[in-house]
């Protein structure tokens, strides 16, 4: 405070686009699962976050699953 700092961040108004996005997925035009680069069990969430944070190869779009099929 009182240091004349400016903080900027981006935040999408996702609620504005949610209905349209759901329709695009529902129609099959886009398949969100096709952009996933990894699927990991929720039990390994700490290790998964570390790998993502370290920007290890393949850790772009990750699905954390409650249990492995």
PDB file of N, CA and C in Angstrom:
ATOM      1  N   UNK A   1       0.839  -1.176   0.000  1.00  0.00           N
ATOM      2  CA  UNK A   1       0.000   0.000   0.000  1.00  0.00           C
ATOM      3  C   UNK A   1       0.887   1.243   0.000  1.00  0.00           C
ATOM      4  N   UNK A   2       0.421   2.267  -0.646  1.00  0.00           N
ATOM      5  CA  UNK A   2       1.127   3.550  -0.744  1.00  0.00           C
ATOM      6  C   UNK A   2       2.456   3.446  -1.489  1.00  0.00           C
ATOM      7  N   UNK A   3       2.610   2.466  -2.363  1.00  0.00           N
ATOM      8  CA  UNK A   3       3.839   2.315  -3.135  1.00  0.00           C
ATOM      9  C   UNK A   3       3.591   2.532  -4.621  1.00  0.00           C
ATOM     10  N   UNK A   4       2.397   2.979  -4.983  1.00  0.00           N
ATOM     11  CA  UNK A   4       2.041   3.238  -6.367  1.00  0.00           C
ATOM     12  C   UNK A   4       2.227   1.996  -7.255  1.00  0.00           C
ATOM     13  N   UNK A   5       1.803   0.849  -6.764  1.00  0.00           N
ATOM     14  CA  UNK A   5       1.898  -0.399  -7.511  1.00  0.00           C
ATOM     15  C   UNK A   5       0.627  -0.617  -8.315  1.00  0.00           C
ATOM     16  N   UNK A   6       0.776  -1.233  -9.471  1.00  0.00           N
ATOM     17  CA  UNK A   6      -0.363  -1.591 -10.300  1.00  0.00           C
ATOM     18  C   UNK A   6      -0.347  -3.105 -10.503  1.00  0.00           C
ATOM     19  N   UNK A   7      -1.450  -3.730 -10.229  1.00  0.00           N
ATOM     20  CA  UNK A   7      -1.573  -5.171 -10.438  1.00  0.00           C
ATOM     21  C   UNK A   7      -2.600  -5.384 -11.531  1.00  0.00           C
ATOM     22  N   UNK A   8      -2.201  -6.132 -12.557  1.00  0.00           N
ATOM     23  CA  UNK A   8      -3.114  -6.435 -13.660  1.00  0.00           C
ATOM     24  C   UNK A   8      -3.214  -7.950 -13.806  1.00  0.00           C
ATOM     25  N   UNK A   9      -4.395  -8.401 -14.110  1.00  0.00           N
ATOM     26  CA  UNK A   9      -4.575  -9.826 -14.355  1.00  0.00           C
ATOM     27  C   UNK A   9      -5.708 -10.007 -15.341  1.00  0.00           C
ATOM     28  N   UNK A  10      -5.703 -11.136 -16.000  1.00  0.00           N
ATOM     29  CA  UNK A  10      -6.771 -11.432 -16.942  1.00  0.00           C
ATOM     30  C   UNK A  10      -7.780 -12.363 -16.304  1.00  0.00           C
ATOM     31  N   UNK A  11      -9.001 -12.128 -16.603  1.00  0.00           N
ATOM     32  CA  UNK A  11     -10.044 -13.016 -16.128  1.00  0.00           C
ATOM     33  C   UNK A  11     -11.187 -12.966 -17.131  1.00  0.00           C
ATOM     34  N   UNK A  12     -11.470 -14.079 -17.690  1.00  0.00           N
ATOM     35  CA  UNK A  12     -12.526 -14.187 -18.687  1.00  0.00           C
ATOM     36  C   UNK A  12     -13.891 -14.177 -18.000  1.00  0.00           C
ATOM     37  N   UNK A  13     -14.839 -13.512 -18.608  1.00  0.00           N
ATOM     38  CA  UNK A  13     -16.216 -13.559 -18.118  1.00  0.00           C
ATOM     39  C   UNK A  13     -16.822 -14.866 -18.613  1.00  0.00           C
ATOM     40  N   UNK A  14     -16.418 -15.980 -17.998  1.00  0.00           N
ATOM     41  CA  UNK A  14     -16.796 -17.307 -18.486  1.00  0.00           C
ATOM     42  C   UNK A  14     -18.301 -17.547 -18.476  1.00  0.00           C
ATOM     43  N   UNK A  15     -19.017 -16.941 -17.581  1.00  0.00           N
ATOM     44  CA  UNK A  15     -20.474 -17.160 -17.546  1.00  0.00           C
ATOM     45  C   UNK A  15     -21.145 -16.641 -18.807  1.00  0.00           C
ATOM     46  N   UNK A  16     -20.559 -15.623 -19.403  1.00  0.00           N
ATOM     47  CA  UNK A  16     -21.103 -15.076 -20.641  1.00  0.00           C
ATOM     48  C   UNK A  16     -21.052 -16.109 -21.773  1.00  0.00           C
ATOM     49  N   UNK A  17     -20.024 -16.940 -21.773  1.00  0.00           N
ATOM     50  CA  UNK A  17     -19.795 -17.884 -22.868  1.00  0.00           C
ATOM     51  C   UNK A  17     -20.231 -19.311 -22.544  1.00  0.00           C
ATOM     52  N   UNK A  18     -20.589 -19.582 -21.312  1.00  0.00           N
ATOM     53  CA  UNK A  18     -20.850 -20.949 -20.878  1.00  0.00           C
ATOM     54  C   UNK A  18     -21.950 -21.639 -21.678  1.00  0.00           C
ATOM     55  N   UNK A  19     -23.068 -20.993 -21.884  1.00  0.00           N
ATOM     56  CA  UNK A  19     -24.162 -21.615 -22.633  1.00  0.00           C
ATOM     57  C   UNK A  19     -23.757 -21.993 -24.046  1.00  0.00           C
ATOM     58  N   UNK A  20     -23.059 -21.084 -24.721  1.00  0.00           N
ATOM     59  CA  UNK A  20     -22.593 -21.353 -26.087  1.00  0.00           C
ATOM     60  C   UNK A  20     -21.579 -22.494 -26.100  1.00  0.00           C
ATOM     61  N   UNK A  21     -20.681 -22.509 -25.126  1.00  0.00           N
ATOM     62  CA  UNK A  21     -19.675 -23.576 -25.071  1.00  0.00           C
ATOM     63  C   UNK A  21     -20.316 -24.935 -24.815  1.00  0.00           C
ATOM     64  N   UNK A  22     -21.288 -24.976 -23.941  1.00  0.00           N
ATOM     65  CA  UNK A  22     -21.984 -26.239 -23.671  1.00  0.00           C
ATOM     66  C   UNK A  22     -22.660 -26.754 -24.936  1.00  0.00           C
ATOM     67  N   UNK A  23     -23.282 -25.859 -25.694  1.00  0.00           N
ATOM     68  CA  UNK A  23     -23.936 -26.269 -26.948  1.00  0.00           C
ATOM     69  C   UNK A  23     -22.917 -26.802 -27.949  1.00  0.00           C
ATOM     70  N   UNK A  24     -21.766 -26.172 -28.060  1.00  0.00           N
ATOM     71  CA  UNK A  24     -20.724 -26.617 -28.992  1.00  0.00           C
ATOM     72  C   UNK A  24     -20.254 -28.018 -28.617  1.00  0.00           C
ATOM     73  N   UNK A  25     -20.085 -28.262 -27.321  1.00  0.00           N
ATOM     74  CA  UNK A  25     -19.671 -29.598 -26.862  1.00  0.00           C
ATOM     75  C   UNK A  25     -20.801 -30.596 -27.077  1.00  0.00           C
ATOM     76  N   UNK A  26     -22.021 -30.213 -26.718  1.00  0.00           N
ATOM     77  CA  UNK A  26     -23.178 -31.105 -26.862  1.00  0.00           C
ATOM     78  C   UNK A  26     -23.380 -31.527 -28.314  1.00  0.00           C
ATOM     79  N   UNK A  27     -23.158 -30.606 -29.254  1.00  0.00           N
ATOM     80  CA  UNK A  27     -23.362 -30.906 -30.671  1.00  0.00           C
ATOM     81  C   UNK A  27     -22.254 -31.793 -31.253  1.00  0.00           C
ATOM     82  N   UNK A  28     -21.162 -31.927 -30.517  1.00  0.00           N
ATOM     83  CA  UNK A  28     -20.046 -32.742 -31.007  1.00  0.00           C
ATOM     84  C   UNK A  28     -19.067 -31.961 -31.859  1.00  0.00           C
ATOM     85  N   UNK A  29     -19.297 -30.663 -32.023  1.00  0.00           N
ATOM     86  CA  UNK A  29     -18.391 -29.827 -32.812  1.00  0.00           C
ATOM     87  C   UNK A  29     -16.988 -29.801 -32.196  1.00  0.00           C
ATOM     88  N   UNK A  30     -16.943 -29.789 -30.888  1.00  0.00           N
ATOM     89  CA  UNK A  30     -15.671 -29.822 -30.161  1.00  0.00           C
ATOM     90  C   UNK A  30     -15.740 -30.956 -29.153  1.00  0.00           C
ATOM     91  N   UNK A  31     -14.666 -31.709 -29.030  1.00  0.00           N
ATOM     92  CA  UNK A  31     -14.562 -32.783 -28.048  1.00  0.00           C
ATOM     93  C   UNK A  31     -13.453 -32.409 -27.064  1.00  0.00           C
ATOM     94  N   UNK A  32     -13.812 -31.918 -25.880  1.00  0.00           N
ATOM     95  CA  UNK A  32     -12.814 -31.455 -24.928  1.00  0.00           C
ATOM     96  C   UNK A  32     -11.757 -32.503 -24.569  1.00  0.00           C
ATOM     97  N   UNK A  33     -12.130 -33.772 -24.590  1.00  0.00           N
ATOM     98  CA  UNK A  33     -11.167 -34.817 -24.226  1.00  0.00           C
ATOM     99  C   UNK A  33     -10.013 -34.914 -25.220  1.00  0.00           C
ATOM    100  N   UNK A  34     -10.207 -34.409 -26.430  1.00  0.00           N
ATOM    101  CA  UNK A  34      -9.143 -34.487 -27.437  1.00  0.00           C
ATOM    102  C   UNK A  34      -7.973 -33.548 -27.146  1.00  0.00           C
ATOM    103  N   UNK A  35      -8.180 -32.555 -26.280  1.00  0.00           N
ATOM    104  CA  UNK A  35      -7.083 -31.638 -25.978  1.00  0.00           C
ATOM    105  C   UNK A  35      -6.303 -32.045 -24.727  1.00  0.00           C
ATOM    106  N   UNK A  36      -6.774 -33.080 -24.028  1.00  0.00           N
ATOM    107  CA  UNK A  36      -6.066 -33.519 -22.827  1.00  0.00           C
ATOM    108  C   UNK A  36      -4.716 -34.110 -23.187  1.00  0.00           C
ATOM    109  N   UNK A  37      -3.707 -33.738 -22.422  1.00  0.00           N
ATOM    110  CA  UNK A  37      -2.365 -34.272 -22.647  1.00  0.00           C
ATOM    111  C   UNK A  37      -2.000 -35.337 -21.619  1.00  0.00           C
ATOM    112  N   UNK A  38      -2.726 -35.371 -20.513  1.00  0.00           N
ATOM    113  CA  UNK A  38      -2.475 -36.361 -19.458  1.00  0.00           C
ATOM    114  C   UNK A  38      -3.761 -36.648 -18.714  1.00  0.00           C
ATOM    115  N   UNK A  39      -3.840 -37.859 -18.191  1.00  0.00           N
ATOM    116  CA  UNK A  39      -4.905 -38.253 -17.258  1.00  0.00           C
ATOM    117  C   UNK A  39      -4.207 -38.895 -16.067  1.00  0.00           C
ATOM    118  N   UNK A  40      -4.491 -38.383 -14.905  1.00  0.00           N
ATOM    119  CA  UNK A  40      -3.829 -38.872 -13.699  1.00  0.00           C
ATOM    120  C   UNK A  40      -4.864 -39.138 -12.615  1.00  0.00           C
ATOM    121  N   UNK A  41      -4.588 -40.117 -11.733  1.00  0.00           N
ATOM    122  CA  UNK A  41      -5.523 -40.373 -10.635  1.00  0.00           C
ATOM    123  C   UNK A  41      -5.481 -39.242  -9.611  1.00  0.00           C
ATOM    124  N   UNK A  42      -6.612 -38.956  -9.028  1.00  0.00           N
ATOM    125  CA  UNK A  42      -6.717 -37.901  -8.027  1.00  0.00           C
ATOM    126  C   UNK A  42      -5.831 -38.187  -6.815  1.00  0.00           C
ATOM    127  N   UNK A  43      -5.540 -39.454  -6.579  1.00  0.00           N
ATOM    128  CA  UNK A  43      -4.693 -39.824  -5.439  1.00  0.00           C
ATOM    129  C   UNK A  43      -3.267 -39.311  -5.590  1.00  0.00           C
ATOM    130  N   UNK A  44      -2.841 -38.976  -6.802  1.00  0.00           N
ATOM    131  CA  UNK A  44      -1.492 -38.453  -7.042  1.00  0.00           C
ATOM    132  C   UNK A  44      -1.502 -36.961  -7.341  1.00  0.00           C
ATOM    133  N   UNK A  45      -2.460 -36.231  -6.782  1.00  0.00           N
ATOM    134  CA  UNK A  45      -2.629 -34.825  -7.131  1.00  0.00           C
ATOM    135  C   UNK A  45      -1.395 -33.983  -6.788  1.00  0.00           C
ATOM    136  N   UNK A  46      -0.719 -34.260  -5.699  1.00  0.00           N
ATOM    137  CA  UNK A  46       0.465 -33.472  -5.323  1.00  0.00           C
ATOM    138  C   UNK A  46       1.578 -33.683  -6.337  1.00  0.00           C
ATOM    139  N   UNK A  47       1.846 -34.926  -6.699  1.00  0.00           N
ATOM    140  CA  UNK A  47       2.877 -35.216  -7.700  1.00  0.00           C
ATOM    141  C   UNK A  47       2.484 -34.632  -9.054  1.00  0.00           C
ATOM    142  N   UNK A  48       1.198 -34.702  -9.397  1.00  0.00           N
ATOM    143  CA  UNK A  48       0.732 -34.150 -10.668  1.00  0.00           C
ATOM    144  C   UNK A  48       0.928 -32.639 -10.692  1.00  0.00           C
ATOM    145  N   UNK A  49       0.590 -31.972  -9.598  1.00  0.00           N
ATOM    146  CA  UNK A  49       0.767 -30.522  -9.553  1.00  0.00           C
ATOM    147  C   UNK A  49       2.238 -30.147  -9.672  1.00  0.00           C
ATOM    148  N   UNK A  50       3.115 -30.887  -9.024  1.00  0.00           N
ATOM    149  CA  UNK A  50       4.559 -30.606  -9.119  1.00  0.00           C
ATOM    150  C   UNK A  50       5.036 -30.748 -10.562  1.00  0.00           C
ATOM    151  N   UNK A  51       4.620 -31.809 -11.237  1.00  0.00           N
ATOM    152  CA  UNK A  51       5.022 -32.019 -12.631  1.00  0.00           C
ATOM    153  C   UNK A  51       4.508 -30.882 -13.514  1.00  0.00           C
ATOM    154  N   UNK A  52       3.264 -30.463 -13.294  1.00  0.00           N
ATOM    155  CA  UNK A  52       2.689 -29.357 -14.047  1.00  0.00           C
ATOM    156  C   UNK A  52       3.447 -28.064 -13.748  1.00  0.00           C
ATOM    157  N   UNK A  53       3.706 -27.804 -12.474  1.00  0.00           N
ATOM    158  CA  UNK A  53       4.394 -26.589 -12.053  1.00  0.00           C
ATOM    159  C   UNK A  53       5.824 -26.526 -12.610  1.00  0.00           C
ATOM    160  N   UNK A  54       6.463 -27.675 -12.726  1.00  0.00           N
ATOM    161  CA  UNK A  54       7.826 -27.743 -13.281  1.00  0.00           C
ATOM    162  C   UNK A  54       7.818 -27.729 -14.806  1.00  0.00           C
ATOM    163  N   UNK A  55       6.630 -27.668 -15.380  1.00  0.00           N
ATOM    164  CA  UNK A  55       6.444 -27.641 -16.835  1.00  0.00           C
ATOM    165  C   UNK A  55       7.110 -28.838 -17.533  1.00  0.00           C
ATOM    166  N   UNK A  56       6.932 -29.995 -16.917  1.00  0.00           N
ATOM    167  CA  UNK A  56       7.462 -31.208 -17.532  1.00  0.00           C
ATOM    168  C   UNK A  56       6.706 -31.471 -18.830  1.00  0.00           C
ATOM    169  N   UNK A  57       7.356 -32.102 -19.808  1.00  0.00           N
ATOM    170  CA  UNK A  57       6.707 -32.364 -21.094  1.00  0.00           C
ATOM    171  C   UNK A  57       5.387 -33.132 -20.929  1.00  0.00           C
ATOM    172  N   UNK A  58       4.377 -32.710 -21.674  1.00  0.00           N
ATOM    173  CA  UNK A  58       3.092 -33.390 -21.657  1.00  0.00           C
ATOM    174  C   UNK A  58       2.116 -32.906 -20.605  1.00  0.00           C
ATOM    175  N   UNK A  59       2.511 -31.966 -19.783  1.00  0.00           N
ATOM    176  CA  UNK A  59       1.661 -31.499 -18.688  1.00  0.00           C
ATOM    177  C   UNK A  59       1.024 -30.157 -19.036  1.00  0.00           C
ATOM    178  N   UNK A  60       0.182 -30.138 -20.067  1.00  0.00           N
ATOM    179  CA  UNK A  60      -0.487 -28.902 -20.485  1.00  0.00           C
ATOM    180  C   UNK A  60      -1.936 -28.873 -20.012  1.00  0.00           C
ATOM    181  N   UNK A  61      -2.696 -29.862 -20.425  1.00  0.00           N
ATOM    182  CA  UNK A  61      -4.113 -29.969 -20.051  1.00  0.00           C
ATOM    183  C   UNK A  61      -4.285 -31.322 -19.374  1.00  0.00           C
ATOM    184  N   UNK A  62      -4.495 -31.305 -18.077  1.00  0.00           N
ATOM    185  CA  UNK A  62      -4.498 -32.534 -17.291  1.00  0.00           C
ATOM    186  C   UNK A  62      -5.870 -32.774 -16.675  1.00  0.00           C
ATOM    187  N   UNK A  63      -6.331 -34.001 -16.784  1.00  0.00           N
ATOM    188  CA  UNK A  63      -7.568 -34.412 -16.135  1.00  0.00           C
ATOM    189  C   UNK A  63      -7.196 -35.222 -14.905  1.00  0.00           C
ATOM    190  N   UNK A  64      -7.663 -34.788 -13.743  1.00  0.00           N
ATOM    191  CA  UNK A  64      -7.462 -35.549 -12.512  1.00  0.00           C
ATOM    192  C   UNK A  64      -8.715 -36.367 -12.272  1.00  0.00           C
ATOM    193  N   UNK A  65      -8.562 -37.685 -12.268  1.00  0.00           N
ATOM    194  CA  UNK A  65      -9.709 -38.585 -12.183  1.00  0.00           C
ATOM    195  C   UNK A  65      -9.840 -39.155 -10.769  1.00  0.00           C
ATOM    196  N   UNK A  66     -11.062 -39.291 -10.275  1.00  0.00           N
ATOM    197  CA  UNK A  66     -11.259 -39.852  -8.939  1.00  0.00           C
ATOM    198  C   UNK A  66     -10.700 -41.267  -8.797  1.00  0.00           C
ATOM    199  N   UNK A  67     -10.757 -42.052  -9.835  1.00  0.00           N
ATOM    200  CA  UNK A  67     -10.188 -43.400  -9.827  1.00  0.00           C
ATOM    201  C   UNK A  67      -9.829 -43.770 -11.258  1.00  0.00           C
ATOM    202  N   UNK A  68      -8.870 -44.649 -11.380  1.00  0.00           N
ATOM    203  CA  UNK A  68      -8.426 -45.086 -12.696  1.00  0.00           C
ATOM    204  C   UNK A  68      -9.324 -46.197 -13.222  1.00  0.00           C
ATOM    205  N   UNK A  69      -9.654 -46.117 -14.508  1.00  0.00           N
ATOM    206  CA  UNK A  69     -10.513 -47.145 -15.140  1.00  0.00           C
ATOM    207  C   UNK A  69      -9.651 -48.239 -15.710  1.00  0.00           C
TER     208      UNK A  69
END
